[in-house]
């Protein structure tokens, strides 16, 4: 497992995340609905709206995952926020960044991951809209477009 690098704008990114005042807040039906729709559209057992904090990834909305957060050091989303493009991992067990992750080797046994970064004010990446599966798989171009559209829907409020 390779822990995610720290973005060059980390201080500003965390400041924006805190100003959004979403961390550790109650569930919101609008976001939960987006996670449920993403899980159904992609036939994925897990769909999340994730916020990447200094030392954890916290799930603002979770469909199919029973924990509210995981350490950032083992997070897929911590890697996903390092780029503007969607991050797609067809088989985490074959990817050197993730093959030793406790999220891959143990519960929830993630094999497939796709995450689209979410931007806060000023363009700082604060989290992801992501889906995960317990089996390896791929996304076609149309599916990737749907994930990107979901991110746009989230950001428009």
C-alpha atoms as a PDB file:
ATOM      1  CA  UNK A   1       0.000   0.000   0.000  1.00  0.00           C
ATOM      2  CA  UNK A   2       1.274   3.425  -0.935  1.00  0.00           C
ATOM      3  CA  UNK A   3      -0.201   6.237   1.154  1.00  0.00           C
ATOM      4  CA  UNK A   4      -1.478   9.102  -0.993  1.00  0.00           C
ATOM      5  CA  UNK A   5       0.813  12.080  -1.513  1.00  0.00           C
ATOM      6  CA  UNK A   6      -0.134  15.380   0.057  1.00  0.00           C
ATOM      7  CA  UNK A   7      -1.415  17.903  -2.525  1.00  0.00           C
ATOM      8  CA  UNK A   8       0.704  21.032  -2.986  1.00  0.00           C
ATOM      9  CA  UNK A   9      -2.303  23.172  -1.968  1.00  0.00           C
ATOM     10  CA  UNK A  10      -3.012  21.135   1.192  1.00  0.00           C
ATOM     11  CA  UNK A  11      -3.224  24.076   3.597  1.00  0.00           C
ATOM     12  CA  UNK A  12      -5.669  25.983   1.406  1.00  0.00           C
ATOM     13  CA  UNK A  13      -7.557  22.787   0.549  1.00  0.00           C
ATOM     14  CA  UNK A  14      -8.128  21.989   4.231  1.00  0.00           C
ATOM     15  CA  UNK A  15      -9.129  25.600   4.939  1.00  0.00           C
ATOM     16  CA  UNK A  16     -11.770  25.409   2.174  1.00  0.00           C
ATOM     17  CA  UNK A  17     -12.966  22.028   3.472  1.00  0.00           C
ATOM     18  CA  UNK A  18     -13.438  23.432   6.964  1.00  0.00           C
ATOM     19  CA  UNK A  19     -15.234  26.544   5.670  1.00  0.00           C
ATOM     20  CA  UNK A  20     -17.712  24.277   3.880  1.00  0.00           C
ATOM     21  CA  UNK A  21     -18.746  23.081   7.377  1.00  0.00           C
ATOM     22  CA  UNK A  22     -19.725  19.612   6.131  1.00  0.00           C
ATOM     23  CA  UNK A  23     -17.387  17.407   8.176  1.00  0.00           C
ATOM     24  CA  UNK A  24     -19.095  15.408  10.929  1.00  0.00           C
ATOM     25  CA  UNK A  25     -22.559  16.709  10.018  1.00  0.00           C
ATOM     26  CA  UNK A  26     -25.735  14.620   9.810  1.00  0.00           C
ATOM     27  CA  UNK A  27     -26.711  12.844   6.586  1.00  0.00           C
ATOM     28  CA  UNK A  28     -28.429  14.887   3.890  1.00  0.00           C
ATOM     29  CA  UNK A  29     -31.161  13.234   1.841  1.00  0.00           C
ATOM     30  CA  UNK A  30     -30.029  14.995  -1.356  1.00  0.00           C
ATOM     31  CA  UNK A  31     -26.530  13.529  -1.078  1.00  0.00           C
ATOM     32  CA  UNK A  32     -27.785  10.127   0.059  1.00  0.00           C
ATOM     33  CA  UNK A  33     -30.039  10.043  -3.006  1.00  0.00           C
ATOM     34  CA  UNK A  34     -27.063  10.756  -5.283  1.00  0.00           C
ATOM     35  CA  UNK A  35     -25.100   7.904  -3.654  1.00  0.00           C
ATOM     36  CA  UNK A  36     -28.048   5.504  -4.040  1.00  0.00           C
ATOM     37  CA  UNK A  37     -28.546   6.499  -7.683  1.00  0.00           C
ATOM     38  CA  UNK A  38     -24.816   6.072  -8.388  1.00  0.00           C
ATOM     39  CA  UNK A  39     -24.844   2.603  -6.814  1.00  0.00           C
ATOM     40  CA  UNK A  40     -27.858   1.615  -8.902  1.00  0.00           C
ATOM     41  CA  UNK A  41     -26.619   3.146 -12.175  1.00  0.00           C
ATOM     42  CA  UNK A  42     -23.227   1.473 -11.907  1.00  0.00           C
ATOM     43  CA  UNK A  43     -24.527  -1.744 -10.336  1.00  0.00           C
ATOM     44  CA  UNK A  44     -21.974  -1.144  -7.579  1.00  0.00           C
ATOM     45  CA  UNK A  45     -22.387  -2.314  -3.993  1.00  0.00           C
ATOM     46  CA  UNK A  46     -20.667   0.848  -2.676  1.00  0.00           C
ATOM     47  CA  UNK A  47     -21.155   4.515  -3.591  1.00  0.00           C
ATOM     48  CA  UNK A  48     -19.868   7.401  -1.511  1.00  0.00           C
ATOM     49  CA  UNK A  49     -19.602  11.150  -1.241  1.00  0.00           C
ATOM     50  CA  UNK A  50     -16.247  11.433   0.487  1.00  0.00           C
ATOM     51  CA  UNK A  51     -14.476  14.384   2.068  1.00  0.00           C
ATOM     52  CA  UNK A  52     -10.699  14.056   2.463  1.00  0.00           C
ATOM     53  CA  UNK A  53      -9.643  15.603   5.780  1.00  0.00           C
ATOM     54  CA  UNK A  54      -6.092  15.932   7.119  1.00  0.00           C
ATOM     55  CA  UNK A  55      -5.893  12.383   8.510  1.00  0.00           C
ATOM     56  CA  UNK A  56      -9.055  10.640   7.366  1.00  0.00           C
ATOM     57  CA  UNK A  57     -11.554  10.272   4.595  1.00  0.00           C
ATOM     58  CA  UNK A  58     -15.008  10.917   5.978  1.00  0.00           C
ATOM     59  CA  UNK A  59     -18.135   9.730   4.213  1.00  0.00           C
ATOM     60  CA  UNK A  60     -20.714  12.503   4.018  1.00  0.00           C
ATOM     61  CA  UNK A  61     -22.945  10.047   2.219  1.00  0.00           C
ATOM     62  CA  UNK A  62     -22.540   6.300   2.115  1.00  0.00           C
ATOM     63  CA  UNK A  63     -24.411   3.578   0.300  1.00  0.00           C
ATOM     64  CA  UNK A  64     -23.176   0.063   1.063  1.00  0.00           C
ATOM     65  CA  UNK A  65     -20.369   0.822   3.514  1.00  0.00           C
ATOM     66  CA  UNK A  66     -20.868   0.456   7.249  1.00  0.00           C
ATOM     67  CA  UNK A  67     -18.167   2.780   8.549  1.00  0.00           C
ATOM     68  CA  UNK A  68     -18.280   6.595   8.668  1.00  0.00           C
ATOM     69  CA  UNK A  69     -14.571   7.064   7.889  1.00  0.00           C
ATOM     70  CA  UNK A  70     -11.239   5.411   7.225  1.00  0.00           C
ATOM     71  CA  UNK A  71      -7.667   6.650   7.637  1.00  0.00           C
ATOM     72  CA  UNK A  72      -6.469   8.861   4.799  1.00  0.00           C
ATOM     73  CA  UNK A  73      -3.282   6.798   4.671  1.00  0.00           C
ATOM     74  CA  UNK A  74      -5.227   3.826   3.224  1.00  0.00           C
ATOM     75  CA  UNK A  75      -7.746   5.820   1.205  1.00  0.00           C
ATOM     76  CA  UNK A  76      -8.416   5.560  -2.496  1.00  0.00           C
ATOM     77  CA  UNK A  77      -9.952   9.049  -2.443  1.00  0.00           C
ATOM     78  CA  UNK A  78      -6.732  10.552  -1.070  1.00  0.00           C
ATOM     79  CA  UNK A  79      -5.112   9.433  -4.323  1.00  0.00           C
ATOM     80  CA  UNK A  80      -8.068  10.560  -6.439  1.00  0.00           C
ATOM     81  CA  UNK A  81      -7.853  14.196  -5.275  1.00  0.00           C
ATOM     82  CA  UNK A  82      -4.317  14.446  -6.652  1.00  0.00           C
ATOM     83  CA  UNK A  83      -5.693  14.890 -10.184  1.00  0.00           C
ATOM     84  CA  UNK A  84      -8.587  16.697 -11.837  1.00  0.00           C
ATOM     85  CA  UNK A  85      -9.426  13.595 -13.863  1.00  0.00           C
ATOM     86  CA  UNK A  86     -11.437  10.652 -12.617  1.00  0.00           C
ATOM     87  CA  UNK A  87      -9.333   7.889 -11.103  1.00  0.00           C
ATOM     88  CA  UNK A  88     -10.354   4.391 -12.193  1.00  0.00           C
ATOM     89  CA  UNK A  89      -8.747   1.300 -10.667  1.00  0.00           C
ATOM     90  CA  UNK A  90      -9.978  -1.826 -12.516  1.00  0.00           C
ATOM     91  CA  UNK A  91      -8.400  -4.236 -10.000  1.00  0.00           C
ATOM     92  CA  UNK A  92      -6.961  -2.862  -6.767  1.00  0.00           C
ATOM     93  CA  UNK A  93      -5.367  -6.236  -5.991  1.00  0.00           C
ATOM     94  CA  UNK A  94      -3.186  -5.745  -9.076  1.00  0.00           C
ATOM     95  CA  UNK A  95      -2.382  -2.057  -8.483  1.00  0.00           C
ATOM     96  CA  UNK A  96       0.829  -1.472  -6.519  1.00  0.00           C
ATOM     97  CA  UNK A  97      -0.678   1.546  -4.759  1.00  0.00           C
ATOM     98  CA  UNK A  98      -3.511  -0.479  -3.247  1.00  0.00           C
ATOM     99  CA  UNK A  99      -2.787  -4.218  -3.263  1.00  0.00           C
ATOM    100  CA  UNK A 100      -1.710  -4.262   0.392  1.00  0.00           C
ATOM    101  CA  UNK A 101      -4.442  -1.927   1.615  1.00  0.00           C
ATOM    102  CA  UNK A 102      -6.616  -3.239   4.439  1.00  0.00           C
ATOM    103  CA  UNK A 103      -9.586  -2.019   2.351  1.00  0.00           C
ATOM    104  CA  UNK A 104      -8.526  -4.517  -0.331  1.00  0.00           C
ATOM    105  CA  UNK A 105      -7.204  -7.413   1.765  1.00  0.00           C
ATOM    106  CA  UNK A 106     -10.014  -7.155   4.347  1.00  0.00           C
ATOM    107  CA  UNK A 107     -13.493  -5.680   4.611  1.00  0.00           C
ATOM    108  CA  UNK A 108     -14.919  -4.239   2.416  1.00  0.00           C
ATOM    109  CA  UNK A 109     -12.646  -6.172  -0.029  1.00  0.00           C
ATOM    110  CA  UNK A 110     -12.496  -3.422  -2.655  1.00  0.00           C
ATOM    111  CA  UNK A 111     -11.257  -4.585  -6.042  1.00  0.00           C
ATOM    112  CA  UNK A 112     -12.698  -1.882  -8.325  1.00  0.00           C
ATOM    113  CA  UNK A 113     -12.757   1.858  -7.603  1.00  0.00           C
ATOM    114  CA  UNK A 114     -13.767   4.900  -9.639  1.00  0.00           C
ATOM    115  CA  UNK A 115     -13.678   8.367  -8.103  1.00  0.00           C
ATOM    116  CA  UNK A 116     -14.312  11.813  -9.527  1.00  0.00           C
ATOM    117  CA  UNK A 117     -12.792  14.694  -7.512  1.00  0.00           C
ATOM    118  CA  UNK A 118     -15.159  17.232  -5.980  1.00  0.00           C
ATOM    119  CA  UNK A 119     -14.021  20.855  -5.988  1.00  0.00           C
ATOM    120  CA  UNK A 120     -14.719  23.456  -3.352  1.00  0.00           C
ATOM    121  CA  UNK A 121     -14.639  27.212  -3.825  1.00  0.00           C
ATOM    122  CA  UNK A 122     -11.459  28.281  -5.571  1.00  0.00           C
ATOM    123  CA  UNK A 123     -11.115  24.910  -7.274  1.00  0.00           C
ATOM    124  CA  UNK A 124      -9.496  23.045  -4.372  1.00  0.00           C
ATOM    125  CA  UNK A 125     -10.280  19.325  -4.442  1.00  0.00           C
ATOM    126  CA  UNK A 126     -12.035  18.501  -1.171  1.00  0.00           C
ATOM    127  CA  UNK A 127     -13.277  14.967  -1.813  1.00  0.00           C
ATOM    128  CA  UNK A 128     -14.814  12.608  -4.342  1.00  0.00           C
ATOM    129  CA  UNK A 129     -17.954  11.072  -5.680  1.00  0.00           C
ATOM    130  CA  UNK A 130     -16.910   7.438  -5.943  1.00  0.00           C
ATOM    131  CA  UNK A 131     -18.109   3.915  -6.509  1.00  0.00           C
ATOM    132  CA  UNK A 132     -16.466   0.659  -5.507  1.00  0.00           C
ATOM    133  CA  UNK A 133     -17.033  -3.011  -6.131  1.00  0.00           C
ATOM    134  CA  UNK A 134     -15.804  -6.272  -4.640  1.00  0.00           C
ATOM    135  CA  UNK A 135     -14.988  -7.616  -8.100  1.00  0.00           C
ATOM    136  CA  UNK A 136     -12.602  -6.311 -10.762  1.00  0.00           C
ATOM    137  CA  UNK A 137     -14.261  -4.435 -13.591  1.00  0.00           C
ATOM    138  CA  UNK A 138     -13.897  -1.544 -16.017  1.00  0.00           C
ATOM    139  CA  UNK A 139     -15.844   1.568 -16.948  1.00  0.00           C
ATOM    140  CA  UNK A 140     -16.775   2.411 -20.514  1.00  0.00           C
ATOM    141  CA  UNK A 141     -16.652   5.991 -21.764  1.00  0.00           C
ATOM    142  CA  UNK A 142     -20.388   6.509 -21.260  1.00  0.00           C
ATOM    143  CA  UNK A 143     -20.164   5.346 -17.650  1.00  0.00           C
ATOM    144  CA  UNK A 144     -17.283   7.708 -16.976  1.00  0.00           C
ATOM    145  CA  UNK A 145     -19.382  10.547 -18.413  1.00  0.00           C
ATOM    146  CA  UNK A 146     -22.184   9.645 -15.972  1.00  0.00           C
ATOM    147  CA  UNK A 147     -19.750   9.775 -13.029  1.00  0.00           C
ATOM    148  CA  UNK A 148     -18.552  13.202 -14.148  1.00  0.00           C
ATOM    149  CA  UNK A 149     -22.164  14.381 -14.529  1.00  0.00           C
ATOM    150  CA  UNK A 150     -22.869  13.161 -10.986  1.00  0.00           C
ATOM    151  CA  UNK A 151     -19.988  15.248  -9.689  1.00  0.00           C
ATOM    152  CA  UNK A 152     -21.345  18.301 -11.513  1.00  0.00           C
ATOM    153  CA  UNK A 153     -24.787  17.703  -9.996  1.00  0.00           C
ATOM    154  CA  UNK A 154     -23.273  17.543  -6.506  1.00  0.00           C
ATOM    155  CA  UNK A 155     -21.325  20.753  -6.965  1.00  0.00           C
ATOM    156  CA  UNK A 156     -24.293  22.691  -8.304  1.00  0.00           C
ATOM    157  CA  UNK A 157     -26.179  21.943  -5.115  1.00  0.00           C
END
